[in-house]
PDB file of N, CA and C in Angstrom:
ATOM      1  N   UNK A   1     192.936  37.710 118.615  1.00  0.00           N
ATOM      2  CA  UNK A   1     192.585  36.971 117.419  1.00  0.00           C
ATOM      3  C   UNK A   1     193.751  37.220 116.469  1.00  0.00           C
ATOM      4  N   UNK A   2     193.952  36.214 115.948  1.00  0.00           N
ATOM      5  CA  UNK A   2     195.129  36.405 114.594  1.00  0.00           C
ATOM      6  C   UNK A   2     194.586  37.137 113.297  1.00  0.00           C
ATOM      7  N   UNK A   3     195.526  37.651 112.467  1.00  0.00           N
ATOM      8  CA  UNK A   3     195.017  38.419 111.207  1.00  0.00           C
ATOM      9  C   UNK A   3     194.077  37.414 110.503  1.00  0.00           C
ATOM     10  N   UNK A   4     194.175  36.423 110.306  1.00  0.00           N
ATOM     11  CA  UNK A   4     193.306  35.624 109.353  1.00  0.00           C
ATOM     12  C   UNK A   4     191.777  35.376 110.102  1.00  0.00           C
ATOM     13  N   UNK A   5     191.735  35.366 111.404  1.00  0.00           N
ATOM     14  CA  UNK A   5     190.509  35.222 111.972  1.00  0.00           C
ATOM     15  C   UNK A   5     190.015  36.548 112.039  1.00  0.00           C
ATOM     16  N   UNK A   6     190.568  37.547 112.076  1.00  0.00           N
ATOM     17  CA  UNK A   6     190.001  38.680 111.796  1.00  0.00           C
ATOM     18  C   UNK A   6     189.474  38.992 110.549  1.00  0.00           C
ATOM     19  N   UNK A   7     190.334  38.800 109.491  1.00  0.00           N
ATOM     20  CA  UNK A   7     189.923  39.036 108.002  1.00  0.00           C
ATOM     21  C   UNK A   7     188.798  38.156 107.880  1.00  0.00           C
ATOM     22  N   UNK A   8     188.532  36.927 108.194  1.00  0.00           N
ATOM     23  CA  UNK A   8     187.535  35.925 107.908  1.00  0.00           C
ATOM     24  C   UNK A   8     186.318  36.578 108.783  1.00  0.00           C
ATOM     25  N   UNK A   9     186.392  37.184 109.998  1.00  0.00           N
ATOM     26  CA  UNK A   9     185.351  37.778 110.653  1.00  0.00           C
ATOM     27  C   UNK A   9     184.649  38.868 110.190  1.00  0.00           C
ATOM     28  N   UNK A  10     185.652  39.623 109.530  1.00  0.00           N
ATOM     29  CA  UNK A  10     185.129  41.169 109.199  1.00  0.00           C
ATOM     30  C   UNK A  10     184.854  41.220 107.527  1.00  0.00           C
ATOM     31  N   UNK A  11     185.161  40.167 106.916  1.00  0.00           N
ATOM     32  CA  UNK A  11     185.178  40.047 105.490  1.00  0.00           C
ATOM     33  C   UNK A  11     186.108  41.010 104.585  1.00  0.00           C
ATOM     34  N   UNK A  12     187.165  41.221 105.247  1.00  0.00           N
ATOM     35  CA  UNK A  12     188.175  41.957 104.720  1.00  0.00           C
ATOM     36  C   UNK A  12     189.548  40.967 104.484  1.00  0.00           C
ATOM     37  N   UNK A  13     190.351  41.473 103.730  1.00  0.00           N
ATOM     38  CA  UNK A  13     191.893  40.766 103.352  1.00  0.00           C
ATOM     39  C   UNK A  13     192.652  40.977 104.461  1.00  0.00           C
ATOM     40  N   UNK A  14     193.716  40.197 104.540  1.00  0.00           N
ATOM     41  CA  UNK A  14     194.537  40.243 105.488  1.00  0.00           C
ATOM     42  C   UNK A  14     195.500  41.397 105.123  1.00  0.00           C
ATOM     43  N   UNK A  15     195.612  41.595 103.793  1.00  0.00           N
ATOM     44  CA  UNK A  15     196.277  42.852 103.082  1.00  0.00           C
ATOM     45  C   UNK A  15     195.705  44.027 103.380  1.00  0.00           C
ATOM     46  N   UNK A  16     194.196  44.094 103.685  1.00  0.00           N
ATOM     47  CA  UNK A  16     193.675  45.233 103.977  1.00  0.00           C
ATOM     48  C   UNK A  16     193.807  45.693 105.324  1.00  0.00           C
ATOM     49  N   UNK A  17     193.854  44.479 106.268  1.00  0.00           N
ATOM     50  CA  UNK A  17     194.085  44.985 107.656  1.00  0.00           C
ATOM     51  C   UNK A  17     195.624  45.266 107.808  1.00  0.00           C
ATOM     52  N   UNK A  18     196.505  44.782 107.211  1.00  0.00           N
ATOM     53  CA  UNK A  18     197.947  45.277 107.294  1.00  0.00           C
ATOM     54  C   UNK A  18     197.885  46.859 106.834  1.00  0.00           C
ATOM     55  N   UNK A  19     197.223  46.932 105.833  1.00  0.00           N
ATOM     56  CA  UNK A  19     196.978  48.420 105.101  1.00  0.00           C
ATOM     57  C   UNK A  19     196.343  49.460 106.275  1.00  0.00           C
ATOM     58  N   UNK A  20     195.215  49.113 106.979  1.00  0.00           N
ATOM     59  CA  UNK A  20     194.628  50.069 107.845  1.00  0.00           C
ATOM     60  C   UNK A  20     195.707  50.314 109.050  1.00  0.00           C
ATOM     61  N   UNK A  21     196.213  49.095 109.348  1.00  0.00           N
ATOM     62  CA  UNK A  21     197.119  49.325 110.436  1.00  0.00           C
ATOM     63  C   UNK A  21     198.273  50.355 109.889  1.00  0.00           C
ATOM     64  N   UNK A  22     198.935  50.073 108.737  1.00  0.00           N
ATOM     65  CA  UNK A  22     199.973  51.038 108.627  1.00  0.00           C
ATOM     66  C   UNK A  22     199.505  52.461 108.315  1.00  0.00           C
ATOM     67  N   UNK A  23     198.271  52.851 107.967  1.00  0.00           N
ATOM     68  CA  UNK A  23     197.680  54.092 107.826  1.00  0.00           C
ATOM     69  C   UNK A  23     197.041  54.605 109.325  1.00  0.00           C
ATOM     70  N   UNK A  24     197.029  53.795 110.368  1.00  0.00           N
ATOM     71  CA  UNK A  24     196.698  54.463 111.470  1.00  0.00           C
ATOM     72  C   UNK A  24     195.200  53.976 111.547  1.00  0.00           C
ATOM     73  N   UNK A  25     194.387  53.521 110.937  1.00  0.00           N
ATOM     74  CA  UNK A  25     193.181  53.204 111.301  1.00  0.00           C
ATOM     75  C   UNK A  25     192.814  52.086 112.187  1.00  0.00           C
ATOM     76  N   UNK A  26     193.737  51.140 112.398  1.00  0.00           N
ATOM     77  CA  UNK A  26     193.682  50.216 113.291  1.00  0.00           C
ATOM     78  C   UNK A  26     194.958  50.428 113.936  1.00  0.00           C
ATOM     79  N   UNK A  27     194.779  50.257 115.445  1.00  0.00           N
ATOM     80  CA  UNK A  27     196.190  50.432 116.262  1.00  0.00           C
ATOM     81  C   UNK A  27     197.019  48.996 115.809  1.00  0.00           C
ATOM     82  N   UNK A  28     198.088  49.569 116.036  1.00  0.00           N
ATOM     83  CA  UNK A  28     199.135  48.271 115.669  1.00  0.00           C
ATOM     84  C   UNK A  28     198.946  47.020 116.848  1.00  0.00           C
ATOM     85  N   UNK A  29     198.676  45.953 116.108  1.00  0.00           N
ATOM     86  CA  UNK A  29     198.344  44.686 117.095  1.00  0.00           C
ATOM     87  C   UNK A  29     199.496  44.384 117.973  1.00  0.00           C
ATOM     88  N   UNK A  30     199.408  43.584 119.122  1.00  0.00           N
ATOM     89  CA  UNK A  30     200.171  43.268 119.903  1.00  0.00           C
ATOM     90  C   UNK A  30     200.567  41.875 119.008  1.00  0.00           C
ATOM     91  N   UNK A  31     201.867  41.380 119.351  1.00  0.00           N
ATOM     92  CA  UNK A  31     202.664  40.322 118.790  1.00  0.00           C
ATOM     93  C   UNK A  31     202.779  39.275 119.760  1.00  0.00           C
ATOM     94  N   UNK A  32     202.325  37.866 119.409  1.00  0.00           N
ATOM     95  CA  UNK A  32     202.623  36.796 120.329  1.00  0.00           C
ATOM     96  C   UNK A  32     203.988  36.505 120.243  1.00  0.00           C
ATOM     97  N   UNK A  33     204.250  35.532 120.863  1.00  0.00           N
ATOM     98  CA  UNK A  33     205.701  35.204 121.059  1.00  0.00           C
ATOM     99  C   UNK A  33     206.268  34.528 119.763  1.00  0.00           C
ATOM    100  N   UNK A  34     205.364  34.086 119.024  1.00  0.00           N
ATOM    101  CA  UNK A  34     205.608  33.489 117.680  1.00  0.00           C
ATOM    102  C   UNK A  34     205.574  34.673 116.491  1.00  0.00           C
ATOM    103  N   UNK A  35     205.414  35.963 116.948  1.00  0.00           N
ATOM    104  CA  UNK A  35     205.584  37.154 115.888  1.00  0.00           C
ATOM    105  C   UNK A  35     204.088  37.217 115.258  1.00  0.00           C
ATOM    106  N   UNK A  36     203.201  36.482 115.363  1.00  0.00           N
ATOM    107  CA  UNK A  36     201.895  36.684 114.829  1.00  0.00           C
ATOM    108  C   UNK A  36     201.180  37.855 115.502  1.00  0.00           C
ATOM    109  N   UNK A  37     200.435  38.566 114.669  1.00  0.00           N
ATOM    110  CA  UNK A  37     199.707  39.614 115.016  1.00  0.00           C
ATOM    111  C   UNK A  37     198.603  39.126 116.128  1.00  0.00           C
ATOM    112  N   UNK A  38     198.070  39.826 117.061  1.00  0.00           N
ATOM    113  CA  UNK A  38     197.058  39.487 118.010  1.00  0.00           C
ATOM    114  C   UNK A  38     196.032  40.501 118.203  1.00  0.00           C
ATOM    115  N   UNK A  39     195.053  40.581 117.510  1.00  0.00           N
ATOM    116  CA  UNK A  39     194.206  41.589 117.677  1.00  0.00           C
ATOM    117  C   UNK A  39     193.103  41.295 118.668  1.00  0.00           C
ATOM    118  N   UNK A  40     192.776  42.346 119.395  1.00  0.00           N
ATOM    119  CA  UNK A  40     191.598  42.385 120.443  1.00  0.00           C
ATOM    120  C   UNK A  40     190.146  42.066 119.595  1.00  0.00           C
ATOM    121  N   UNK A  41     189.179  41.821 120.463  1.00  0.00           N
ATOM    122  CA  UNK A  41     187.850  41.385 119.753  1.00  0.00           C
ATOM    123  C   UNK A  41     187.117  42.733 119.140  1.00  0.00           C
ATOM    124  N   UNK A  42     187.648  43.878 119.861  1.00  0.00           N
ATOM    125  CA  UNK A  42     186.948  45.071 119.257  1.00  0.00           C
ATOM    126  C   UNK A  42     187.467  45.614 117.847  1.00  0.00           C
ATOM    127  N   UNK A  43     188.582  44.749 117.124  1.00  0.00           N
ATOM    128  CA  UNK A  43     188.901  45.262 116.159  1.00  0.00           C
ATOM    129  C   UNK A  43     187.897  44.900 115.104  1.00  0.00           C
ATOM    130  N   UNK A  44     187.158  44.019 115.124  1.00  0.00           N
ATOM    131  CA  UNK A  44     186.147  43.573 114.135  1.00  0.00           C
ATOM    132  C   UNK A  44     185.061  44.766 114.072  1.00  0.00           C
ATOM    133  N   UNK A  45     184.535  45.517 115.197  1.00  0.00           N
ATOM    134  CA  UNK A  45     183.503  46.296 115.235  1.00  0.00           C
ATOM    135  C   UNK A  45     184.144  47.697 114.494  1.00  0.00           C
ATOM    136  N   UNK A  46     185.570  47.871 114.708  1.00  0.00           N
ATOM    137  CA  UNK A  46     186.240  49.056 114.200  1.00  0.00           C
ATOM    138  C   UNK A  46     186.245  48.879 112.752  1.00  0.00           C
ATOM    139  N   UNK A  47     186.691  47.801 112.267  1.00  0.00           N
ATOM    140  CA  UNK A  47     186.463  47.486 110.836  1.00  0.00           C
ATOM    141  C   UNK A  47     185.095  47.595 110.188  1.00  0.00           C
ATOM    142  N   UNK A  48     184.440  47.039 110.975  1.00  0.00           N
ATOM    143  CA  UNK A  48     182.840  47.253 110.499  1.00  0.00           C
ATOM    144  C   UNK A  48     182.488  48.779 110.147  1.00  0.00           C
ATOM    145  N   UNK A  49     183.161  49.700 111.286  1.00  0.00           N
ATOM    146  CA  UNK A  49     182.745  51.009 110.960  1.00  0.00           C
ATOM    147  C   UNK A  49     183.587  51.674 109.994  1.00  0.00           C
ATOM    148  N   UNK A  50     184.778  51.185 109.648  1.00  0.00           N
ATOM    149  CA  UNK A  50     185.597  51.827 108.351  1.00  0.00           C
ATOM    150  C   UNK A  50     185.034  51.402 107.383  1.00  0.00           C
ATOM    151  N   UNK A  51     184.373  50.154 106.965  1.00  0.00           N
ATOM    152  CA  UNK A  51     183.731  49.871 105.765  1.00  0.00           C
ATOM    153  C   UNK A  51     182.269  50.559 105.689  1.00  0.00           C
ATOM    154  N   UNK A  52     181.799  51.003 106.776  1.00  0.00           N
ATOM    155  CA  UNK A  52     180.501  51.705 106.682  1.00  0.00           C
ATOM    156  C   UNK A  52     180.646  53.024 106.317  1.00  0.00           C
ATOM    157  N   UNK A  53     181.744  53.562 106.750  1.00  0.00           N
ATOM    158  CA  UNK A  53     182.189  54.974 106.280  1.00  0.00           C
ATOM    159  C   UNK A  53     182.589  54.979 105.085  1.00  0.00           C
ATOM    160  N   UNK A  54     183.396  53.853 104.299  1.00  0.00           N
ATOM    161  CA  UNK A  54     183.591  53.884 102.928  1.00  0.00           C
ATOM    162  C   UNK A  54     182.343  53.711 102.025  1.00  0.00           C
ATOM    163  N   UNK A  55     181.521  53.289 102.506  1.00  0.00           N
ATOM    164  CA  UNK A  55     180.297  52.942 101.771  1.00  0.00           C
ATOM    165  C   UNK A  55     179.651  54.383 101.623  1.00  0.00           C
ATOM    166  N   UNK A  56     179.544  55.079 103.004  1.00  0.00           N
ATOM    167  CA  UNK A  56     178.982  56.574 102.803  1.00  0.00           C
ATOM    168  C   UNK A  56     179.760  57.346 102.109  1.00  0.00           C
ATOM    169  N   UNK A  57     181.097  56.964 101.469  1.00  0.00           N
ATOM    170  CA  UNK A  57     181.748  57.776 100.767  1.00  0.00           C
ATOM    171  C   UNK A  57     182.862  58.489 101.325  1.00  0.00           C
ATOM    172  N   UNK A  58     183.048  58.406 102.595  1.00  0.00           N
ATOM    173  CA  UNK A  58     184.211  59.190 103.287  1.00  0.00           C
ATOM    174  C   UNK A  58     185.502  58.355 102.970  1.00  0.00           C
ATOM    175  N   UNK A  59     186.287  59.435 102.636  1.00  0.00           N
ATOM    176  CA  UNK A  59     187.908  59.064 102.552  1.00  0.00           C
ATOM    177  C   UNK A  59     188.635  58.583 103.907  1.00  0.00           C
ATOM    178  N   UNK A  60     189.737  57.530 103.358  1.00  0.00           N
ATOM    179  CA  UNK A  60     190.334  57.094 104.634  1.00  0.00           C
ATOM    180  C   UNK A  60     190.757  58.202 105.668  1.00  0.00           C
ATOM    181  N   UNK A  61     191.229  59.012 105.119  1.00  0.00           N
ATOM    182  CA  UNK A  61     191.666  60.427 105.919  1.00  0.00           C
ATOM    183  C   UNK A  61     190.707  60.863 106.869  1.00  0.00           C
ATOM    184  N   UNK A  62     189.492  61.008 106.238  1.00  0.00           N
ATOM    185  CA  UNK A  62     188.320  61.440 107.040  1.00  0.00           C
ATOM    186  C   UNK A  62     187.955  60.353 108.180  1.00  0.00           C
ATOM    187  N   UNK A  63     187.952  59.187 107.832  1.00  0.00           N
ATOM    188  CA  UNK A  63     187.676  58.186 108.900  1.00  0.00           C
ATOM    189  C   UNK A  63     188.763  58.154 110.025  1.00  0.00           C
ATOM    190  N   UNK A  64     189.784  58.212 109.473  1.00  0.00           N
ATOM    191  CA  UNK A  64     190.859  58.477 110.630  1.00  0.00           C
ATOM    192  C   UNK A  64     190.655  59.602 111.332  1.00  0.00           C
ATOM    193  N   UNK A  65     190.246  60.743 110.954  1.00  0.00           N
ATOM    194  CA  UNK A  65     190.069  61.824 112.059  1.00  0.00           C
ATOM    195  C   UNK A  65     189.032  61.369 113.006  1.00  0.00           C
ATOM    196  N   UNK A  66     187.808  60.707 112.348  1.00  0.00           N
ATOM    197  CA  UNK A  66     186.718  60.239 113.234  1.00  0.00           C
ATOM    198  C   UNK A  66     187.157  59.210 114.435  1.00  0.00           C
ATOM    199  N   UNK A  67     187.998  58.356 113.725  1.00  0.00           N
ATOM    200  CA  UNK A  67     188.545  57.455 114.887  1.00  0.00           C
ATOM    201  C   UNK A  67     189.503  57.921 115.807  1.00  0.00           C
ATOM    202  N   UNK A  68     190.326  58.798 115.483  1.00  0.00           N
ATOM    203  CA  UNK A  68     191.050  59.647 116.392  1.00  0.00           C
ATOM    204  C   UNK A  68     190.116  60.305 117.482  1.00  0.00           C
ATOM    205  N   UNK A  69     189.028  61.038 117.074  1.00  0.00           N
ATOM    206  CA  UNK A  69     188.228  61.763 117.970  1.00  0.00           C
ATOM    207  C   UNK A  69     187.764  60.573 119.039  1.00  0.00           C
ATOM    208  N   UNK A  70     187.426  59.364 118.431  1.00  0.00           N
ATOM    209  CA  UNK A  70     186.748  58.347 119.292  1.00  0.00           C
ATOM    210  C   UNK A  70     187.912  57.782 120.267  1.00  0.00           C
ATOM    211  N   UNK A  71     189.092  57.621 119.608  1.00  0.00           N
ATOM    212  CA  UNK A  71     190.251  57.244 120.549  1.00  0.00           C
ATOM    213  C   UNK A  71     190.533  58.085 121.517  1.00  0.00           C
ATOM    214  N   UNK A  72     190.168  59.217 121.324  1.00  0.00           N
ATOM    215  CA  UNK A  72     190.577  60.342 122.521  1.00  0.00           C
ATOM    216  C   UNK A  72     189.372  60.247 123.495  1.00  0.00           C
ATOM    217  N   UNK A  73     188.501  59.351 123.190  1.00  0.00           N
ATOM    218  CA  UNK A  73     187.488  59.343 124.232  1.00  0.00           C
ATOM    219  C   UNK A  73     186.273  60.160 124.031  1.00  0.00           C
ATOM    220  N   UNK A  74     185.954  60.761 123.186  1.00  0.00           N
ATOM    221  CA  UNK A  74     184.928  61.537 122.704  1.00  0.00           C
ATOM    222  C   UNK A  74     184.077  61.031 121.563  1.00  0.00           C
ATOM    223  N   UNK A  75     182.586  61.403 121.615  1.00  0.00           N
ATOM    224  CA  UNK A  75     181.763  60.899 120.587  1.00  0.00           C
ATOM    225  C   UNK A  75     182.133  61.494 119.394  1.00  0.00           C
ATOM    226  N   UNK A  76     182.295  60.856 118.333  1.00  0.00           N
ATOM    227  CA  UNK A  76     182.664  61.807 116.996  1.00  0.00           C
ATOM    228  C   UNK A  76     181.230  62.069 116.176  1.00  0.00           C
ATOM    229  N   UNK A  77     180.105  61.759 116.546  1.00  0.00           N
ATOM    230  CA  UNK A  77     178.977  61.991 116.002  1.00  0.00           C
ATOM    231  C   UNK A  77     178.799  63.302 115.295  1.00  0.00           C
ATOM    232  N   UNK A  78     179.066  64.465 115.967  1.00  0.00           N
ATOM    233  CA  UNK A  78     178.842  65.715 115.365  1.00  0.00           C
ATOM    234  C   UNK A  78     179.826  65.899 114.477  1.00  0.00           C
ATOM    235  N   UNK A  79     180.845  65.464 114.597  1.00  0.00           N
ATOM    236  CA  UNK A  79     181.953  65.613 113.447  1.00  0.00           C
ATOM    237  C   UNK A  79     181.484  64.849 112.488  1.00  0.00           C
ATOM    238  N   UNK A  80     180.817  63.349 112.406  1.00  0.00           N
ATOM    239  CA  UNK A  80     180.260  62.796 111.343  1.00  0.00           C
ATOM    240  C   UNK A  80     179.214  63.338 110.852  1.00  0.00           C
ATOM    241  N   UNK A  81     178.340  63.932 111.411  1.00  0.00           N
ATOM    242  CA  UNK A  81     177.405  64.780 110.858  1.00  0.00           C
ATOM    243  C   UNK A  81     177.548  65.792 109.859  1.00  0.00           C
ATOM    244  N   UNK A  82     178.624  66.688 110.134  1.00  0.00           N
ATOM    245  CA  UNK A  82     179.445  67.768 109.614  1.00  0.00           C
ATOM    246  C   UNK A  82     180.114  67.251 108.540  1.00  0.00           C
ATOM    247  N   UNK A  83     180.827  65.976 108.352  1.00  0.00           N
ATOM    248  CA  UNK A  83     181.381  65.495 107.384  1.00  0.00           C
ATOM    249  C   UNK A  83     180.178  64.965 106.187  1.00  0.00           C
ATOM    250  N   UNK A  84     179.162  64.167 106.702  1.00  0.00           N
ATOM    251  CA  UNK A  84     178.216  63.887 105.897  1.00  0.00           C
ATOM    252  C   UNK A  84     177.534  65.036 105.228  1.00  0.00           C
ATOM    253  N   UNK A  85     177.464  66.059 105.978  1.00  0.00           N
ATOM    254  CA  UNK A  85     176.391  67.177 105.038  1.00  0.00           C
ATOM    255  C   UNK A  85     177.361  67.785 104.015  1.00  0.00           C
ATOM    256  N   UNK A  86     178.713  67.819 104.349  1.00  0.00           N
ATOM    257  CA  UNK A  86     179.498  68.089 103.050  1.00  0.00           C
ATOM    258  C   UNK A  86     179.582  67.246 101.911  1.00  0.00           C
ATOM    259  N   UNK A  87     179.681  65.995 102.404  1.00  0.00           N
ATOM    260  CA  UNK A  87     179.412  64.972 101.190  1.00  0.00           C
ATOM    261  C   UNK A  87     178.012  65.267 100.378  1.00  0.00           C
ATOM    262  N   UNK A  88     176.980  65.182 101.181  1.00  0.00           N
ATOM    263  CA  UNK A  88     175.615  65.672 100.433  1.00  0.00           C
ATOM    264  C   UNK A  88     175.816  66.617  99.778  1.00  0.00           C
ATOM    265  N   UNK A  89     176.261  68.077 100.045  1.00  0.00           N
ATOM    266  CA  UNK A  89     176.230  68.888  99.210  1.00  0.00           C
ATOM    267  C   UNK A  89     177.272  68.717  97.954  1.00  0.00           C
ATOM    268  N   UNK A  90     178.314  68.061  98.087  1.00  0.00           N
ATOM    269  CA  UNK A  90     179.430  67.522  96.705  1.00  0.00           C
ATOM    270  C   UNK A  90     178.400  66.823  96.062  1.00  0.00           C
ATOM    271  N   UNK A  91     177.679  65.774  96.701  1.00  0.00           N
ATOM    272  CA  UNK A  91     176.917  64.823  95.706  1.00  0.00           C
ATOM    273  C   UNK A  91     175.625  65.576  95.047  1.00  0.00           C
ATOM    274  N   UNK A  92     175.167  66.481  95.667  1.00  0.00           N
ATOM    275  CA  UNK A  92     173.949  67.306  94.976  1.00  0.00           C
ATOM    276  C   UNK A  92     174.846  68.016  93.764  1.00  0.00           C
ATOM    277  N   UNK A  93     176.039  68.637  93.957  1.00  0.00           N
ATOM    278  CA  UNK A  93     176.662  69.515  93.054  1.00  0.00           C
ATOM    279  C   UNK A  93     176.935  68.554  91.780  1.00  0.00           C
ATOM    280  N   UNK A  94     177.520  67.396  92.090  1.00  0.00           N
ATOM    281  CA  UNK A  94     177.841  66.525  91.136  1.00  0.00           C
ATOM    282  C   UNK A  94     176.593  65.814  90.217  1.00  0.00           C
ATOM    283  N   UNK A  95     175.477  65.745  90.870  1.00  0.00           N
ATOM    284  CA  UNK A  95     174.477  65.133  90.273  1.00  0.00           C
ATOM    285  C   UNK A  95     173.792  66.539  89.289  1.00  0.00           C
ATOM    286  N   UNK A  96     173.998  67.629  89.838  1.00  0.00           N
ATOM    287  CA  UNK A  96     173.427  68.790  88.955  1.00  0.00           C
ATOM    288  C   UNK A  96     174.322  68.990  87.608  1.00  0.00           C
ATOM    289  N   UNK A  97     175.817  68.660  87.866  1.00  0.00           N
ATOM    290  CA  UNK A  97     176.711  68.780  86.866  1.00  0.00           C
ATOM    291  C   UNK A  97     176.312  67.591  85.825  1.00  0.00           C
ATOM    292  N   UNK A  98     176.393  66.363  86.237  1.00  0.00           N
ATOM    293  CA  UNK A  98     175.987  65.205  85.452  1.00  0.00           C
ATOM    294  C   UNK A  98     174.706  65.361  84.787  1.00  0.00           C
ATOM    295  N   UNK A  99     173.695  65.942  85.495  1.00  0.00           N
ATOM    296  CA  UNK A  99     172.299  66.159  84.765  1.00  0.00           C
ATOM    297  C   UNK A  99     172.471  66.977  83.598  1.00  0.00           C
ATOM    298  N   UNK A 100     173.216  68.249  83.824  1.00  0.00           N
ATOM    299  CA  UNK A 100     173.358  69.095  82.900  1.00  0.00           C
ATOM    300  C   UNK A 100     174.150  68.636  81.719  1.00  0.00           C
ATOM    301  N   UNK A 101     175.300  67.777  81.941  1.00  0.00           N
ATOM    302  CA  UNK A 101     176.094  67.178  81.055  1.00  0.00           C
ATOM    303  C   UNK A 101     175.181  66.016  80.123  1.00  0.00           C
ATOM    304  N   UNK A 102     174.407  65.417  80.900  1.00  0.00           N
ATOM    305  CA  UNK A 102     173.337  64.399  80.185  1.00  0.00           C
ATOM    306  C   UNK A 102     172.406  65.153  79.331  1.00  0.00           C
ATOM    307  N   UNK A 103     171.881  66.273  79.601  1.00  0.00           N
ATOM    308  CA  UNK A 103     171.293  66.910  78.410  1.00  0.00           C
ATOM    309  C   UNK A 103     171.933  67.562  77.381  1.00  0.00           C
ATOM    310  N   UNK A 104     173.086  67.883  77.529  1.00  0.00           N
ATOM    311  CA  UNK A 104     174.172  68.386  76.588  1.00  0.00           C
ATOM    312  C   UNK A 104     174.413  67.257  75.489  1.00  0.00           C
ATOM    313  N   UNK A 105     174.644  66.362  76.080  1.00  0.00           N
ATOM    314  CA  UNK A 105     174.987  64.841  75.252  1.00  0.00           C
ATOM    315  C   UNK A 105     173.885  64.360  74.522  1.00  0.00           C
ATOM    316  N   UNK A 106     172.617  64.367  75.323  1.00  0.00           N
ATOM    317  CA  UNK A 106     171.322  64.112  74.721  1.00  0.00           C
ATOM    318  C   UNK A 106     170.966  64.957  73.293  1.00  0.00           C
ATOM    319  N   UNK A 107     171.122  66.340  73.542  1.00  0.00           N
ATOM    320  CA  UNK A 107     171.098  67.200  72.179  1.00  0.00           C
ATOM    321  C   UNK A 107     171.830  66.869  71.094  1.00  0.00           C
ATOM    322  N   UNK A 108     173.184  66.753  71.648  1.00  0.00           N
ATOM    323  CA  UNK A 108     174.265  66.228  70.416  1.00  0.00           C
ATOM    324  C   UNK A 108     173.809  64.880  69.766  1.00  0.00           C
ATOM    325  N   UNK A 109     173.589  64.018  70.502  1.00  0.00           N
ATOM    326  CA  UNK A 109     172.969  62.559  70.222  1.00  0.00           C
ATOM    327  C   UNK A 109     171.771  62.877  69.321  1.00  0.00           C
ATOM    328  N   UNK A 110     170.904  63.589  69.556  1.00  0.00           N
ATOM    329  CA  UNK A 110     169.656  63.757  68.762  1.00  0.00           C
ATOM    330  C   UNK A 110     169.976  64.364  67.556  1.00  0.00           C
ATOM    331  N   UNK A 111     170.896  65.225  67.599  1.00  0.00           N
ATOM    332  CA  UNK A 111     171.271  65.857  66.267  1.00  0.00           C
ATOM    333  C   UNK A 111     171.984  64.872  65.479  1.00  0.00           C
ATOM    334  N   UNK A 112     172.850  64.027  66.080  1.00  0.00           N
ATOM    335  CA  UNK A 112     173.505  62.878  65.323  1.00  0.00           C
ATOM    336  C   UNK A 112     172.669  61.827  64.742  1.00  0.00           C
ATOM    337  N   UNK A 113     171.570  61.499  65.530  1.00  0.00           N
ATOM    338  CA  UNK A 113     170.606  60.557  65.163  1.00  0.00           C
ATOM    339  C   UNK A 113     169.923  60.825  63.848  1.00  0.00           C
ATOM    340  N   UNK A 114     169.609  62.073  63.838  1.00  0.00           N
ATOM    341  CA  UNK A 114     168.630  62.651  62.938  1.00  0.00           C
ATOM    342  C   UNK A 114     169.446  63.009  61.559  1.00  0.00           C
ATOM    343  N   UNK A 115     170.807  63.173  61.663  1.00  0.00           N
ATOM    344  CA  UNK A 115     171.704  63.519  60.767  1.00  0.00           C
ATOM    345  C   UNK A 115     172.132  62.163  59.837  1.00  0.00           C
ATOM    346  N   UNK A 116     172.668  62.650  58.625  1.00  0.00           N
ATOM    347  CA  UNK A 116     173.351  61.950  57.647  1.00  0.00           C
ATOM    348  C   UNK A 116     174.621  62.095  57.580  1.00  0.00           C
ATOM    349  N   UNK A 117     175.740  61.230  58.163  1.00  0.00           N
ATOM    350  CA  UNK A 117     176.899  60.995  58.271  1.00  0.00           C
ATOM    351  C   UNK A 117     177.526  61.514  56.826  1.00  0.00           C
ATOM    352  N   UNK A 118     177.039  61.091  55.666  1.00  0.00           N
ATOM    353  CA  UNK A 118     177.255  61.487  54.371  1.00  0.00           C
ATOM    354  C   UNK A 118     177.329  63.061  53.899  1.00  0.00           C
ATOM    355  N   UNK A 119     176.569  63.710  54.756  1.00  0.00           N
ATOM    356  CA  UNK A 119     176.298  65.114  54.654  1.00  0.00           C
ATOM    357  C   UNK A 119     177.213  65.991  55.624  1.00  0.00           C
ATOM    358  N   UNK A 120     178.122  65.310  56.655  1.00  0.00           N
ATOM    359  CA  UNK A 120     179.006  65.982  57.282  1.00  0.00           C
ATOM    360  C   UNK A 120     180.064  67.218  56.557  1.00  0.00           C
ATOM    361  N   UNK A 121     180.373  68.166  57.065  1.00  0.00           N
ATOM    362  CA  UNK A 121     181.080  68.995  56.593  1.00  0.00           C
ATOM    363  C   UNK A 121     182.391  69.062  57.041  1.00  0.00           C
ATOM    364  N   UNK A 122     183.216  68.750  56.344  1.00  0.00           N
ATOM    365  CA  UNK A 122     184.605  68.202  56.713  1.00  0.00           C
ATOM    366  C   UNK A 122     185.377  69.494  57.416  1.00  0.00           C
ATOM    367  N   UNK A 123     185.126  70.573  56.988  1.00  0.00           N
ATOM    368  CA  UNK A 123     185.745  71.881  57.655  1.00  0.00           C
ATOM    369  C   UNK A 123     185.269  71.855  59.154  1.00  0.00           C
ATOM    370  N   UNK A 124     184.197  71.441  59.478  1.00  0.00           N
ATOM    371  CA  UNK A 124     183.822  71.599  60.911  1.00  0.00           C
ATOM    372  C   UNK A 124     184.192  70.277  61.610  1.00  0.00           C
ATOM    373  N   UNK A 125     184.989  69.422  61.109  1.00  0.00           N
ATOM    374  CA  UNK A 125     185.407  67.937  61.510  1.00  0.00           C
ATOM    375  C   UNK A 125     184.327  67.137  61.627  1.00  0.00           C
ATOM    376  N   UNK A 126     183.131  67.519  62.473  1.00  0.00           N
ATOM    377  CA  UNK A 126     182.055  66.794  62.531  1.00  0.00           C
ATOM    378  C   UNK A 126     180.981  67.575  63.059  1.00  0.00           C
ATOM    379  N   UNK A 127     179.902  67.714  62.116  1.00  0.00           N
ATOM    380  CA  UNK A 127     178.691  68.496  62.468  1.00  0.00           C
ATOM    381  C   UNK A 127     177.910  68.134  63.473  1.00  0.00           C
ATOM    382  N   UNK A 128     178.157  66.846  64.295  1.00  0.00           N
ATOM    383  CA  UNK A 128     177.399  66.567  65.305  1.00  0.00           C
ATOM    384  C   UNK A 128     177.685  67.468  66.501  1.00  0.00           C
ATOM    385  N   UNK A 129     178.881  67.957  66.411  1.00  0.00           N
ATOM    386  CA  UNK A 129     179.629  68.509  67.714  1.00  0.00           C
ATOM    387  C   UNK A 129     179.798  69.934  67.529  1.00  0.00           C
TER     388      UNK A 129
END
């Protein structure tokens, strides 16, 4: 398949395909006699995996590690499970931090909403914070 066909079938741009190839996420495509890239059919399922992995929050370096395990002939599912576990823990921590930040900002906002800007103390720069 030519690069345009793969792009159309997988929903990514030709630029993205070249980028994936440069980063090692896609094997370098064979070249036809006229110099066009000639991708095998399985390229589409690989791109779909890359996109699903990105949606799951995995970085390209993590995806590359997974693909290398697969390309070595091993099932990467245990590795993927471990990566997802790390991401879940990080997300939970970020959510907790954002929840605490929201509560703090809400408290400042309540003070500001009830306050009178004309009564602000210039020495404190702004009494709401």
